[in-house]
Amino acid sequence: MSKILVKSVLLLPLLLLVVCFSWRSVAAADIDIKTVGQEADVTFEILDENGNQITTVATSSNAARVEDLEPGTYTVKLLETPDSVIMSDTEYKVVLSRRGSVIRKTIFLKEKITGDYLSFRQGNEEPWGSVTLYDNSMGYQGCGPTSISIALTKMGMLIPGYDGAELHGYVAGEDNTMQPSEVGKCMIDNGYYVAGQGMSWEFPTFIFHKTLGLEEEVIEPGNAQRVLELLKEGWVGVASASAGYFTYGGHIIAVVENDGDNIVIIDPANGNRDGSYSVAQMNSQEAMPQNSAAKGTYANIKRWWLYNPYK
């Protein structure tokens, strides 16, 4: 009798363990998905650790759930993206360690920034073109402020205190964009104008990073592939060019977006040089397209300033 009792006592924890395990194995393992930063529904596919598709799921009201999954490693992969949305990552690893676990995954999507960024030129035919920057006109040396105004308009941002600023007799219109004259006033007031040359290379950092608080990446020549990567994530900026395709001397141009694997440039001095250019062209490894607006054969970019409008 005592032996039977001892065996029963020894078996009791094992029985409890089996019951507990059986109860836990009934519970489902789920993945909750929440998307932030867009309004349209987004579709994901769920793959197992062997790359096999388990199911697809579309967000509704920016949320979705995948239920009844076995423990293991899964990939949540973006399947469809609305045209208005960009994202730097399209795949996310999710590990379900045991049955009954619920993994909550927040995926950040970003609305593409839009703006009438093609409307600004520095030329004398513009309302601000004849406004002087101390020793010369905006039309002659205003490429820096004009390019920055293009980038700001693309981002939908204003420089605090300079919306509607007056520069040497010209008052910018109240259109909720930063006109080149307003940017020029900020440049002069803060000491970033170089006599006889134009904009100081420190001015983009002052505007976008120090004043507006945006994340900055300054990229040296030959690294246009990095520029393309940032543009695909929604970054915007400006670039400096030396004598070549864009200029006979020095010039500032706007860098507004990507066109597939090309870099979209807006030239404030001449719309005929606006275009979608390859990484090789921007690295001066390939010749630029020759037209009546071309000043030279190669882009000869000397520096890029890229900014993240989402931070």
C-alpha atoms as a PDB file:
ATOM      1  CA  MET A   1       0.000   0.000   0.000  1.00  0.00           C
ATOM      2  CA  SER A   2       2.801   2.395   0.919  1.00  0.00           C
ATOM      3  CA  LYS A   3       4.560   1.666  -2.392  1.00  0.00           C
ATOM      4  CA  ILE A   4       1.402   2.501  -4.301  1.00  0.00           C
ATOM      5  CA  LEU A   5       1.072   5.738  -2.327  1.00  0.00           C
ATOM      6  CA  VAL A   6       4.693   6.694  -3.044  1.00  0.00           C
ATOM      7  CA  LYS A   7       4.222   6.014  -6.761  1.00  0.00           C
ATOM      8  CA  SER A   8       1.065   8.102  -6.772  1.00  0.00           C
ATOM      9  CA  VAL A   9       2.867  10.995  -5.087  1.00  0.00           C
ATOM     10  CA  LEU A  10       5.732  10.759  -7.583  1.00  0.00           C
ATOM     11  CA  LEU A  11       3.378  10.599 -10.553  1.00  0.00           C
ATOM     12  CA  LEU A  12       1.240  13.528  -9.437  1.00  0.00           C
ATOM     13  CA  PRO A  13       3.661  16.293 -10.599  1.00  0.00           C
ATOM     14  CA  LEU A  14       4.073  14.519 -13.924  1.00  0.00           C
ATOM     15  CA  LEU A  15       0.308  14.301 -14.372  1.00  0.00           C
ATOM     16  CA  LEU A  16      -0.038  17.973 -13.505  1.00  0.00           C
ATOM     17  CA  LEU A  17       2.690  18.815 -16.012  1.00  0.00           C
ATOM     18  CA  VAL A  18       0.891  16.869 -18.759  1.00  0.00           C
ATOM     19  CA  VAL A  19      -2.411  18.547 -17.924  1.00  0.00           C
ATOM     20  CA  CYS A  20      -0.774  21.974 -17.857  1.00  0.00           C
ATOM     21  CA  PHE A  21       1.007  21.365 -21.159  1.00  0.00           C
ATOM     22  CA  SER A  22      -2.195  20.066 -22.738  1.00  0.00           C
ATOM     23  CA  TRP A  23      -4.094  23.151 -21.557  1.00  0.00           C
ATOM     24  CA  ARG A  24      -1.402  25.508 -22.863  1.00  0.00           C
ATOM     25  CA  SER A  25      -1.181  23.748 -26.230  1.00  0.00           C
ATOM     26  CA  VAL A  26      -4.825  24.550 -26.878  1.00  0.00           C
ATOM     27  CA  ALA A  27      -4.106  28.310 -26.872  1.00  0.00           C
ATOM     28  CA  ALA A  28      -3.363  29.950 -30.211  1.00  0.00           C
ATOM     29  CA  ALA A  29      -0.208  31.851 -31.100  1.00  0.00           C
ATOM     30  CA  ASP A  30      -1.135  35.113 -32.795  1.00  0.00           C
ATOM     31  CA  ILE A  31       0.572  38.055 -34.463  1.00  0.00           C
ATOM     32  CA  ASP A  32      -1.057  41.467 -34.158  1.00  0.00           C
ATOM     33  CA  ILE A  33      -0.028  43.968 -36.853  1.00  0.00           C
ATOM     34  CA  LYS A  34      -0.539  47.708 -36.538  1.00  0.00           C
ATOM     35  CA  THR A  35       0.518  50.201 -39.201  1.00  0.00           C
ATOM     36  CA  VAL A  36       1.190  53.838 -38.441  1.00  0.00           C
ATOM     37  CA  GLY A  37       1.618  56.782 -40.786  1.00  0.00           C
ATOM     38  CA  GLN A  38      -0.904  56.140 -43.546  1.00  0.00           C
ATOM     39  CA  GLU A  39      -4.640  55.805 -44.063  1.00  0.00           C
ATOM     40  CA  ALA A  40      -4.874  53.248 -46.872  1.00  0.00           C
ATOM     41  CA  ASP A  41      -5.035  49.518 -46.136  1.00  0.00           C
ATOM     42  CA  VAL A  42      -1.813  47.549 -46.640  1.00  0.00           C
ATOM     43  CA  THR A  43      -1.530  43.831 -47.418  1.00  0.00           C
ATOM     44  CA  PHE A  44       1.092  41.518 -45.907  1.00  0.00           C
ATOM     45  CA  GLU A  45       1.975  37.885 -46.485  1.00  0.00           C
ATOM     46  CA  ILE A  46       3.154  35.621 -43.687  1.00  0.00           C
ATOM     47  CA  LEU A  47       5.957  33.193 -44.508  1.00  0.00           C
ATOM     48  CA  ASP A  48       7.294  30.336 -42.405  1.00  0.00           C
ATOM     49  CA  GLU A  49      10.992  29.815 -41.714  1.00  0.00           C
ATOM     50  CA  ASN A  50      11.316  27.892 -44.996  1.00  0.00           C
ATOM     51  CA  GLY A  51       9.901  30.777 -47.001  1.00  0.00           C
ATOM     52  CA  ASN A  52       6.537  29.113 -47.616  1.00  0.00           C
ATOM     53  CA  GLN A  53       3.502  31.361 -47.586  1.00  0.00           C
ATOM     54  CA  ILE A  54       1.182  30.651 -44.671  1.00  0.00           C
ATOM     55  CA  THR A  55      -1.450  33.291 -45.329  1.00  0.00           C
ATOM     56  CA  THR A  56      -2.041  36.855 -46.449  1.00  0.00           C
ATOM     57  CA  VAL A  57      -3.606  39.543 -44.306  1.00  0.00           C
ATOM     58  CA  ALA A  58      -4.808  43.060 -45.107  1.00  0.00           C
ATOM     59  CA  THR A  59      -4.960  45.789 -42.490  1.00  0.00           C
ATOM     60  CA  SER A  60      -8.358  47.249 -41.741  1.00  0.00           C
ATOM     61  CA  SER A  61      -8.396  50.523 -39.804  1.00  0.00           C
ATOM     62  CA  ASN A  62      -4.586  50.151 -39.711  1.00  0.00           C
ATOM     63  CA  ALA A  63      -4.656  46.815 -37.861  1.00  0.00           C
ATOM     64  CA  ALA A  64      -4.679  43.089 -38.616  1.00  0.00           C
ATOM     65  CA  ARG A  65      -4.284  39.750 -36.817  1.00  0.00           C
ATOM     66  CA  VAL A  66      -2.865  36.403 -37.882  1.00  0.00           C
ATOM     67  CA  GLU A  67      -4.119  33.592 -35.623  1.00  0.00           C
ATOM     68  CA  ASP A  68      -3.413  29.968 -34.721  1.00  0.00           C
ATOM     69  CA  LEU A  69       0.274  29.829 -35.568  1.00  0.00           C
ATOM     70  CA  GLU A  70       2.686  27.208 -34.279  1.00  0.00           C
ATOM     71  CA  PRO A  71       5.807  28.384 -32.394  1.00  0.00           C
ATOM     72  CA  GLY A  72       8.611  29.300 -34.767  1.00  0.00           C
ATOM     73  CA  THR A  73      10.131  32.087 -36.832  1.00  0.00           C
ATOM     74  CA  TYR A  74       7.923  33.913 -39.292  1.00  0.00           C
ATOM     75  CA  THR A  75       8.415  36.682 -41.836  1.00  0.00           C
ATOM     76  CA  VAL A  76       5.858  39.451 -42.154  1.00  0.00           C
ATOM     77  CA  LYS A  77       6.383  40.727 -45.708  1.00  0.00           C
ATOM     78  CA  LEU A  78       4.789  43.724 -47.392  1.00  0.00           C
ATOM     79  CA  LEU A  79       2.799  42.525 -50.392  1.00  0.00           C
ATOM     80  CA  GLU A  80       1.053  45.653 -51.667  1.00  0.00           C
ATOM     81  CA  THR A  81       1.788  49.318 -51.053  1.00  0.00           C
ATOM     82  CA  PRO A  82      -0.454  52.249 -51.987  1.00  0.00           C
ATOM     83  CA  ASP A  83       1.223  54.689 -54.374  1.00  0.00           C
ATOM     84  CA  SER A  84       1.130  57.369 -51.678  1.00  0.00           C
ATOM     85  CA  VAL A  85       3.207  55.362 -49.189  1.00  0.00           C
ATOM     86  CA  ILE A  86       6.934  54.650 -48.884  1.00  0.00           C
ATOM     87  CA  MET A  87       8.774  52.473 -46.395  1.00  0.00           C
ATOM     88  CA  SER A  88      12.415  51.576 -45.906  1.00  0.00           C
ATOM     89  CA  ASP A  89      11.791  47.972 -44.816  1.00  0.00           C
ATOM     90  CA  THR A  90       9.445  45.473 -46.433  1.00  0.00           C
ATOM     91  CA  GLU A  91      10.179  42.382 -44.324  1.00  0.00           C
ATOM     92  CA  TYR A  92      10.009  41.847 -40.568  1.00  0.00           C
ATOM     93  CA  LYS A  93      11.095  38.777 -38.602  1.00  0.00           C
ATOM     94  CA  VAL A  94       8.686  37.618 -35.885  1.00  0.00           C
ATOM     95  CA  VAL A  95       9.541  34.840 -33.425  1.00  0.00           C
ATOM     96  CA  LEU A  96       6.766  32.968 -31.595  1.00  0.00           C
ATOM     97  CA  SER A  97       8.519  31.277 -28.694  1.00  0.00           C
ATOM     98  CA  ARG A  98       5.628  29.155 -27.429  1.00  0.00           C
ATOM     99  CA  ARG A  99       1.983  28.467 -28.059  1.00  0.00           C
ATOM    100  CA  GLY A 100      -0.300  31.002 -26.522  1.00  0.00           C
ATOM    101  CA  SER A 101       2.031  33.916 -27.197  1.00  0.00           C
ATOM    102  CA  VAL A 102       0.723  37.050 -28.899  1.00  0.00           C
ATOM    103  CA  ILE A 103       3.287  39.163 -30.742  1.00  0.00           C
ATOM    104  CA  ARG A 104       2.338  42.773 -31.399  1.00  0.00           C
ATOM    105  CA  LYS A 105       4.230  44.317 -34.314  1.00  0.00           C
ATOM    106  CA  THR A 106       3.932  48.009 -35.137  1.00  0.00           C
ATOM    107  CA  ILE A 107       5.030  48.810 -38.693  1.00  0.00           C
ATOM    108  CA  PHE A 108       5.690  52.440 -39.579  1.00  0.00           C
ATOM    109  CA  LEU A 109       4.733  53.585 -43.047  1.00  0.00           C
ATOM    110  CA  LYS A 110       5.371  57.081 -44.395  1.00  0.00           C
ATOM    111  CA  GLU A 111       3.222  59.228 -46.639  1.00  0.00           C
ATOM    112  CA  LYS A 112       5.097  60.493 -49.676  1.00  0.00           C
ATOM    113  CA  ILE A 113       5.698  64.214 -49.440  1.00  0.00           C
ATOM    114  CA  THR A 114       4.234  66.208 -52.287  1.00  0.00           C
ATOM    115  CA  GLY A 115       4.606  69.838 -53.255  1.00  0.00           C
ATOM    116  CA  ASP A 116       4.798  72.190 -56.222  1.00  0.00           C
ATOM    117  CA  TYR A 117       8.567  72.214 -55.990  1.00  0.00           C
ATOM    118  CA  LEU A 118       9.068  73.010 -59.692  1.00  0.00           C
ATOM    119  CA  SER A 119       7.713  76.542 -59.420  1.00  0.00           C
ATOM    120  CA  PHE A 120      10.821  78.336 -58.124  1.00  0.00           C
ATOM    121  CA  ARG A 121      13.555  79.746 -60.347  1.00  0.00           C
ATOM    122  CA  GLN A 122      16.185  82.312 -59.493  1.00  0.00           C
ATOM    123  CA  GLY A 123      16.034  84.166 -62.827  1.00  0.00           C
ATOM    124  CA  ASN A 124      15.380  87.869 -63.286  1.00  0.00           C
ATOM    125  CA  GLU A 125      11.942  87.152 -64.744  1.00  0.00           C
ATOM    126  CA  GLU A 126      10.802  85.990 -61.286  1.00  0.00           C
ATOM    127  CA  PRO A 127       9.334  88.548 -58.845  1.00  0.00           C
ATOM    128  CA  TRP A 128      12.379  88.152 -56.575  1.00  0.00           C
ATOM    129  CA  GLY A 129      14.941  87.829 -59.381  1.00  0.00           C
ATOM    130  CA  SER A 130      16.114  91.448 -59.269  1.00  0.00           C
ATOM    131  CA  VAL A 131      16.301  91.591 -55.470  1.00  0.00           C
ATOM    132  CA  THR A 132      19.899  92.195 -54.389  1.00  0.00           C
ATOM    133  CA  LEU A 133      21.957  89.974 -52.085  1.00  0.00           C
ATOM    134  CA  TYR A 134      24.297  92.808 -51.034  1.00  0.00           C
ATOM    135  CA  ASP A 135      26.620  92.753 -54.064  1.00  0.00           C
ATOM    136  CA  ASN A 136      24.540  91.003 -56.714  1.00  0.00           C
ATOM    137  CA  SER A 137      21.023  89.944 -57.654  1.00  0.00           C
ATOM    138  CA  MET A 138      19.066  86.847 -56.697  1.00  0.00           C
ATOM    139  CA  GLY A 139      18.930  86.098 -60.407  1.00  0.00           C
ATOM    140  CA  TYR A 140      22.729  85.873 -60.524  1.00  0.00           C
ATOM    141  CA  GLN A 141      23.690  84.463 -57.119  1.00  0.00           C
ATOM    142  CA  GLY A 142      20.423  83.161 -55.711  1.00  0.00           C
ATOM    143  CA  CYS A 143      20.804  79.471 -56.556  1.00  0.00           C
ATOM    144  CA  GLY A 144      21.361  78.527 -52.886  1.00  0.00           C
ATOM    145  CA  PRO A 145      18.255  80.192 -51.412  1.00  0.00           C
ATOM    146  CA  THR A 146      16.173  79.101 -54.412  1.00  0.00           C
ATOM    147  CA  SER A 147      17.238  75.442 -54.114  1.00  0.00           C
ATOM    148  CA  ILE A 148      16.531  75.493 -50.388  1.00  0.00           C
ATOM    149  CA  SER A 149      13.104  77.010 -51.048  1.00  0.00           C
ATOM    150  CA  ILE A 150      12.400  74.163 -53.502  1.00  0.00           C
ATOM    151  CA  ALA A 151      13.398  71.570 -50.874  1.00  0.00           C
ATOM    152  CA  LEU A 152      11.363  73.280 -48.142  1.00  0.00           C
ATOM    153  CA  THR A 153       8.317  73.424 -50.400  1.00  0.00           C
ATOM    154  CA  LYS A 154       8.710  69.733 -51.186  1.00  0.00           C
ATOM    155  CA  MET A 155       8.750  69.076 -47.426  1.00  0.00           C
ATOM    156  CA  GLY A 156       5.892  71.490 -46.739  1.00  0.00           C
ATOM    157  CA  MET A 157       8.015  73.360 -44.168  1.00  0.00           C
ATOM    158  CA  LEU A 158       8.567  77.021 -43.299  1.00  0.00           C
ATOM    159  CA  ILE A 159      11.486  78.777 -41.619  1.00  0.00           C
ATOM    160  CA  PRO A 160      10.131  80.238 -38.356  1.00  0.00           C
ATOM    161  CA  GLY A 161      10.120  84.032 -38.450  1.00  0.00           C
ATOM    162  CA  TYR A 162      10.826  84.343 -42.176  1.00  0.00           C
ATOM    163  CA  ASP A 163       7.435  83.591 -43.703  1.00  0.00           C
ATOM    164  CA  GLY A 164       6.538  86.906 -45.340  1.00  0.00           C
ATOM    165  CA  ALA A 165       9.989  88.449 -44.783  1.00  0.00           C
ATOM    166  CA  GLU A 166      10.999  91.573 -46.675  1.00  0.00           C
ATOM    167  CA  LEU A 167      14.299  91.501 -48.559  1.00  0.00           C
ATOM    168  CA  HIS A 168      15.583  94.810 -49.922  1.00  0.00           C
ATOM    169  CA  GLY A 169      12.149  96.122 -50.792  1.00  0.00           C
ATOM    170  CA  TYR A 170      10.528  92.881 -51.946  1.00  0.00           C
ATOM    171  CA  VAL A 171       7.883  91.352 -49.666  1.00  0.00           C
ATOM    172  CA  ALA A 172       7.169  87.681 -50.337  1.00  0.00           C
ATOM    173  CA  GLY A 173       3.592  86.658 -50.951  1.00  0.00           C
ATOM    174  CA  GLU A 174       1.583  84.868 -48.276  1.00  0.00           C
ATOM    175  CA  ASP A 175       1.299  81.507 -50.026  1.00  0.00           C
ATOM    176  CA  ASN A 176       2.357  79.166 -47.201  1.00  0.00           C
ATOM    177  CA  THR A 177       5.621  78.351 -49.009  1.00  0.00           C
ATOM    178  CA  MET A 178       9.122  79.722 -48.534  1.00  0.00           C
ATOM    179  CA  GLN A 179       9.953  81.903 -51.514  1.00  0.00           C
ATOM    180  CA  PRO A 180      13.647  82.287 -52.448  1.00  0.00           C
ATOM    181  CA  SER A 181      13.653  85.875 -51.164  1.00  0.00           C
ATOM    182  CA  GLU A 182      12.541  84.731 -47.709  1.00  0.00           C
ATOM    183  CA  VAL A 183      15.310  82.140 -47.592  1.00  0.00           C
ATOM    184  CA  GLY A 184      17.745  84.781 -48.860  1.00  0.00           C
ATOM    185  CA  LYS A 185      16.760  87.125 -46.021  1.00  0.00           C
ATOM    186  CA  CYS A 186      17.417  84.347 -43.507  1.00  0.00           C
ATOM    187  CA  MET A 187      20.795  83.644 -45.121  1.00  0.00           C
ATOM    188  CA  ILE A 188      21.875  87.283 -44.888  1.00  0.00           C
ATOM    189  CA  ASP A 189      20.534  87.860 -41.373  1.00  0.00           C
ATOM    190  CA  ASN A 190      22.435  84.872 -39.999  1.00  0.00           C
ATOM    191  CA  GLY A 191      25.722  85.509 -41.775  1.00  0.00           C
ATOM    192  CA  TYR A 192      25.692  82.698 -44.340  1.00  0.00           C
ATOM    193  CA  TYR A 193      26.183  84.868 -47.441  1.00  0.00           C
ATOM    194  CA  VAL A 194      29.702  84.911 -48.914  1.00  0.00           C
ATOM    195  CA  ALA A 195      30.402  88.115 -50.845  1.00  0.00           C
ATOM    196  CA  GLY A 196      31.016  87.501 -54.515  1.00  0.00           C
ATOM    197  CA  GLN A 197      30.117  83.810 -54.229  1.00  0.00           C
ATOM    198  CA  GLY A 198      26.683  83.349 -52.724  1.00  0.00           C
ATOM    199  CA  MET A 199      25.539  80.815 -50.153  1.00  0.00           C
ATOM    200  CA  SER A 200      27.931  79.410 -47.561  1.00  0.00           C
ATOM    201  CA  TRP A 201      28.124  75.634 -47.454  1.00  0.00           C
ATOM    202  CA  GLU A 202      27.170  75.839 -43.778  1.00  0.00           C
ATOM    203  CA  PHE A 203      23.743  77.305 -44.563  1.00  0.00           C
ATOM    204  CA  PRO A 204      21.846  74.031 -45.378  1.00  0.00           C
ATOM    205  CA  THR A 205      22.902  72.609 -42.006  1.00  0.00           C
ATOM    206  CA  PHE A 206      21.778  75.819 -40.285  1.00  0.00           C
ATOM    207  CA  ILE A 207      18.348  75.732 -41.941  1.00  0.00           C
ATOM    208  CA  PHE A 208      17.409  72.069 -41.986  1.00  0.00           C
ATOM    209  CA  HIS A 209      19.350  70.617 -39.058  1.00  0.00           C
ATOM    210  CA  LYS A 210      19.900  73.402 -36.530  1.00  0.00           C
ATOM    211  CA  THR A 211      16.738  75.430 -37.152  1.00  0.00           C
ATOM    212  CA  LEU A 212      14.180  72.804 -38.179  1.00  0.00           C
ATOM    213  CA  GLY A 213      15.763  69.922 -36.244  1.00  0.00           C
ATOM    214  CA  LEU A 214      15.848  67.460 -39.142  1.00  0.00           C
ATOM    215  CA  GLU A 215      18.180  64.484 -39.252  1.00  0.00           C
ATOM    216  CA  GLU A 216      21.060  65.301 -41.607  1.00  0.00           C
ATOM    217  CA  GLU A 217      23.491  63.341 -43.728  1.00  0.00           C
ATOM    218  CA  VAL A 218      26.272  65.172 -45.587  1.00  0.00           C
ATOM    219  CA  ILE A 219      27.574  63.054 -48.457  1.00  0.00           C
ATOM    220  CA  GLU A 220      30.825  63.579 -50.301  1.00  0.00           C
ATOM    221  CA  PRO A 221      31.243  63.148 -54.103  1.00  0.00           C
ATOM    222  CA  GLY A 222      31.259  59.656 -55.542  1.00  0.00           C
ATOM    223  CA  ASN A 223      28.585  58.382 -53.139  1.00  0.00           C
ATOM    224  CA  ALA A 224      25.429  59.015 -55.161  1.00  0.00           C
ATOM    225  CA  GLN A 225      24.228  55.476 -54.377  1.00  0.00           C
ATOM    226  CA  ARG A 226      23.806  56.564 -50.756  1.00  0.00           C
ATOM    227  CA  VAL A 227      21.885  59.628 -51.944  1.00  0.00           C
ATOM    228  CA  LEU A 228      19.541  57.358 -53.893  1.00  0.00           C
ATOM    229  CA  GLU A 229      18.996  55.142 -50.839  1.00  0.00           C
ATOM    230  CA  LEU A 230      17.979  58.144 -48.736  1.00  0.00           C
ATOM    231  CA  LEU A 231      15.707  59.544 -51.445  1.00  0.00           C
ATOM    232  CA  LYS A 232      13.898  56.201 -51.533  1.00  0.00           C
ATOM    233  CA  GLU A 233      13.216  56.690 -47.817  1.00  0.00           C
ATOM    234  CA  GLY A 234      11.742  60.128 -48.472  1.00  0.00           C
ATOM    235  CA  TRP A 235      14.725  62.361 -47.686  1.00  0.00           C
ATOM    236  CA  VAL A 236      15.082  65.685 -49.540  1.00  0.00           C
ATOM    237  CA  GLY A 237      18.007  68.069 -49.905  1.00  0.00           C
ATOM    238  CA  VAL A 238      20.377  70.137 -52.018  1.00  0.00           C
ATOM    239  CA  ALA A 239      23.736  69.602 -53.712  1.00  0.00           C
ATOM    240  CA  SER A 240      26.711  71.705 -54.776  1.00  0.00           C
ATOM    241  CA  ALA A 241      28.207  71.375 -58.258  1.00  0.00           C
ATOM    242  CA  SER A 242      31.470  72.741 -59.611  1.00  0.00           C
ATOM    243  CA  ALA A 243      32.193  73.633 -63.249  1.00  0.00           C
ATOM    244  CA  GLY A 244      30.527  71.033 -65.457  1.00  0.00           C
ATOM    245  CA  TYR A 245      27.065  70.184 -66.741  1.00  0.00           C
ATOM    246  CA  PHE A 246      25.173  72.506 -64.372  1.00  0.00           C
ATOM    247  CA  THR A 247      27.483  75.539 -64.273  1.00  0.00           C
ATOM    248  CA  TYR A 248      30.579  77.284 -65.533  1.00  0.00           C
ATOM    249  CA  GLY A 249      31.615  78.018 -61.935  1.00  0.00           C
ATOM    250  CA  GLY A 250      29.832  76.925 -58.733  1.00  0.00           C
ATOM    251  CA  HIS A 251      26.152  76.139 -58.360  1.00  0.00           C
ATOM    252  CA  ILE A 252      23.539  74.816 -55.895  1.00  0.00           C
ATOM    253  CA  ILE A 253      20.727  72.518 -57.089  1.00  0.00           C
ATOM    254  CA  ALA A 254      17.757  70.866 -55.384  1.00  0.00           C
ATOM    255  CA  VAL A 255      17.558  67.082 -54.838  1.00  0.00           C
ATOM    256  CA  VAL A 256      13.878  66.268 -54.445  1.00  0.00           C
ATOM    257  CA  GLU A 257      13.119  62.563 -54.927  1.00  0.00           C
ATOM    258  CA  ASN A 258      13.970  59.356 -56.751  1.00  0.00           C
ATOM    259  CA  ASP A 259      12.586  58.139 -60.058  1.00  0.00           C
ATOM    260  CA  GLY A 260      13.071  54.419 -59.666  1.00  0.00           C
ATOM    261  CA  ASP A 261      16.848  54.037 -59.458  1.00  0.00           C
ATOM    262  CA  ASN A 262      17.485  57.570 -60.710  1.00  0.00           C
ATOM    263  CA  ILE A 263      17.997  60.822 -58.783  1.00  0.00           C
ATOM    264  CA  VAL A 264      15.656  63.718 -59.588  1.00  0.00           C
ATOM    265  CA  ILE A 265      17.397  67.110 -59.762  1.00  0.00           C
ATOM    266  CA  ILE A 266      15.736  70.516 -60.018  1.00  0.00           C
ATOM    267  CA  ASP A 267      18.061  73.251 -61.282  1.00  0.00           C
ATOM    268  CA  PRO A 268      16.912  76.704 -60.123  1.00  0.00           C
ATOM    269  CA  ALA A 269      18.836  78.419 -62.928  1.00  0.00           C
ATOM    270  CA  ASN A 270      17.437  76.506 -65.895  1.00  0.00           C
ATOM    271  CA  GLY A 271      14.498  74.116 -66.131  1.00  0.00           C
ATOM    272  CA  ASN A 272      16.070  72.436 -69.159  1.00  0.00           C
ATOM    273  CA  ARG A 273      18.567  70.859 -66.752  1.00  0.00           C
ATOM    274  CA  ASP A 274      15.833  69.482 -64.506  1.00  0.00           C
ATOM    275  CA  GLY A 275      15.887  65.742 -64.840  1.00  0.00           C
ATOM    276  CA  SER A 276      16.128  62.169 -63.662  1.00  0.00           C
ATOM    277  CA  TYR A 277      19.787  61.136 -63.632  1.00  0.00           C
ATOM    278  CA  SER A 278      21.539  57.838 -62.964  1.00  0.00           C
ATOM    279  CA  VAL A 279      23.866  57.179 -60.046  1.00  0.00           C
ATOM    280  CA  ALA A 280      26.754  56.827 -62.520  1.00  0.00           C
ATOM    281  CA  GLN A 281      25.983  60.248 -63.992  1.00  0.00           C
ATOM    282  CA  MET A 282      25.774  61.818 -60.549  1.00  0.00           C
ATOM    283  CA  ASN A 283      29.128  60.217 -59.680  1.00  0.00           C
ATOM    284  CA  SER A 284      30.616  61.722 -62.886  1.00  0.00           C
ATOM    285  CA  GLN A 285      31.333  58.208 -64.135  1.00  0.00           C
ATOM    286  CA  GLU A 286      29.097  58.744 -67.164  1.00  0.00           C
ATOM    287  CA  ALA A 287      28.493  61.818 -69.311  1.00  0.00           C
ATOM    288  CA  MET A 288      25.355  63.865 -68.766  1.00  0.00           C
ATOM    289  CA  PRO A 289      22.839  64.272 -71.608  1.00  0.00           C
ATOM    290  CA  GLN A 290      23.962  67.084 -73.869  1.00  0.00           C
ATOM    291  CA  ASN A 291      21.439  69.777 -74.727  1.00  0.00           C
ATOM    292  CA  SER A 292      21.350  73.528 -75.196  1.00  0.00           C
ATOM    293  CA  ALA A 293      21.346  74.055 -71.414  1.00  0.00           C
ATOM    294  CA  ALA A 294      24.436  71.912 -70.736  1.00  0.00           C
ATOM    295  CA  LYS A 295      27.470  73.852 -69.497  1.00  0.00           C
ATOM    296  CA  GLY A 296      29.776  70.859 -69.601  1.00  0.00           C
ATOM    297  CA  THR A 297      29.967  67.084 -69.903  1.00  0.00           C
ATOM    298  CA  TYR A 298      29.940  65.786 -66.320  1.00  0.00           C
ATOM    299  CA  ALA A 299      27.808  66.576 -63.257  1.00  0.00           C
ATOM    300  CA  ASN A 300      30.808  67.262 -60.993  1.00  0.00           C
ATOM    301  CA  ILE A 301      28.816  67.180 -57.749  1.00  0.00           C
ATOM    302  CA  LYS A 302      31.017  68.345 -54.867  1.00  0.00           C
ATOM    303  CA  ARG A 303      28.715  67.712 -51.898  1.00  0.00           C
ATOM    304  CA  TRP A 304      25.194  66.543 -51.035  1.00  0.00           C
ATOM    305  CA  TRP A 305      23.088  67.614 -48.032  1.00  0.00           C
ATOM    306  CA  LEU A 306      20.171  65.258 -47.379  1.00  0.00           C
ATOM    307  CA  TYR A 307      17.487  65.665 -44.699  1.00  0.00           C
ATOM    308  CA  ASN A 308      14.823  63.449 -43.209  1.00  0.00           C
ATOM    309  CA  PRO A 309      11.530  65.393 -43.104  1.00  0.00           C
ATOM    310  CA  TYR A 310       9.949  62.716 -40.895  1.00  0.00           C
ATOM    311  CA  LYS A 311      12.166  63.525 -37.872  1.00  0.00           C
END
